[in-house]
Amino acid sequence: CKASKPRLQDLAETSPLPIGYAHEEDLEDFLDVFVKIKAFPTYIVFQNGEEKARVEGVDFEALEKMIQANIPSK
């Protein structure tokens, strides 16, 4: 979502987890087959190729909680 992009970029710079993004038009087959995207934006945490958590829609509070909950233990 273009409106949320600046805040997402800020979050990516400070996140303890690496954050990447993809646009739906670039990954149509991937989205349908592997991650079953139902809403845009959708934020997903993957670990070892498996989905561990997901936030659908623009909800930065939930996104920040998801990131914090998935920081690997040292």
Protein backbone atom coordinates (compact mmCIF):
# COMPACT_ATOMS: atom_id res chain seq x y z
CA CYS A 1 0.00 0.00 0.00
CA LYS A 2 1.55 3.30 -1.07
CA ALA A 3 0.20 5.15 1.96
CA SER A 4 1.89 2.79 4.41
CA LYS A 5 5.19 2.52 2.53
CA PRO A 6 7.04 5.31 4.43
CA ARG A 7 6.18 3.81 7.81
CA LEU A 8 7.10 0.33 6.61
CA GLN A 9 10.45 1.62 5.37
CA ASP A 10 11.09 3.20 8.80
CA LEU A 11 10.16 -0.06 10.50
CA ALA A 12 12.45 -2.04 8.16
CA GLU A 13 15.41 0.17 9.12
CA THR A 14 14.94 -0.51 12.85
CA SER A 15 13.55 -4.06 12.81
CA PRO A 16 15.59 -6.84 14.43
CA LEU A 17 14.20 -9.13 11.68
CA PRO A 18 15.14 -8.66 8.03
CA ILE A 19 12.23 -7.19 6.07
CA GLY A 20 11.71 -7.52 2.34
CA TYR A 21 8.71 -6.79 0.19
CA ALA A 22 7.14 -7.86 -3.10
CA HIS A 23 4.35 -6.40 -5.19
CA GLU A 24 1.42 -8.65 -6.03
CA GLU A 25 1.74 -8.05 -9.77
CA ASP A 26 5.29 -9.41 -9.68
CA LEU A 27 4.49 -12.62 -7.85
CA GLU A 28 0.98 -13.63 -8.88
CA ASP A 29 1.70 -17.37 -9.11
CA PHE A 30 3.72 -17.39 -5.88
CA LEU A 31 0.99 -15.61 -3.95
CA ASP A 32 -1.76 -17.94 -5.13
CA VAL A 33 0.10 -21.18 -4.59
CA PHE A 34 2.27 -20.65 -1.54
CA VAL A 35 0.98 -18.00 0.80
CA LYS A 36 -2.73 -17.59 0.01
CA ILE A 37 -2.84 -13.80 0.18
CA LYS A 38 -6.39 -12.57 0.86
CA ALA A 39 -5.71 -8.90 1.72
CA PHE A 40 -3.29 -6.18 0.73
CA PRO A 41 -1.02 -5.46 2.34
CA THR A 42 -0.20 -8.77 4.01
CA TYR A 43 2.89 -9.11 6.22
CA ILE A 44 4.32 -12.58 6.79
CA VAL A 45 7.18 -13.90 8.92
CA PHE A 46 8.94 -16.90 7.38
CA GLN A 47 11.44 -19.09 9.17
CA ASN A 48 13.27 -21.84 7.27
CA GLY A 49 10.78 -21.48 4.41
CA GLU A 50 7.73 -21.94 6.66
CA GLU A 51 5.16 -19.31 7.51
CA LYS A 52 5.32 -18.52 11.24
CA ALA A 53 3.00 -15.51 11.55
CA ARG A 54 0.86 -13.18 9.44
CA VAL A 55 -0.82 -9.77 9.66
CA GLU A 56 -3.37 -8.83 7.02
CA GLY A 57 -4.21 -5.20 6.28
CA VAL A 58 -2.57 -2.00 7.43
CA ASP A 59 -2.10 -2.64 11.17
CA PHE A 60 1.30 -1.43 12.28
CA GLU A 61 0.65 -2.22 15.94
CA ALA A 62 -0.02 -5.87 15.06
CA LEU A 63 2.95 -5.87 12.67
CA GLU A 64 5.31 -4.60 15.37
CA LYS A 65 3.97 -7.21 17.83
CA MET A 66 4.45 -9.94 15.22
CA ILE A 67 8.05 -8.86 14.65
CA GLN A 68 8.81 -8.75 18.38
CA ALA A 69 7.19 -12.17 18.94
CA ASN A 70 9.37 -13.72 16.23
CA ILE A 71 12.81 -12.41 17.15
CA PRO A 72 15.06 -15.47 17.41
CA SER A 73 16.42 -16.33 20.84
CA LYS A 74 20.14 -15.89 21.29
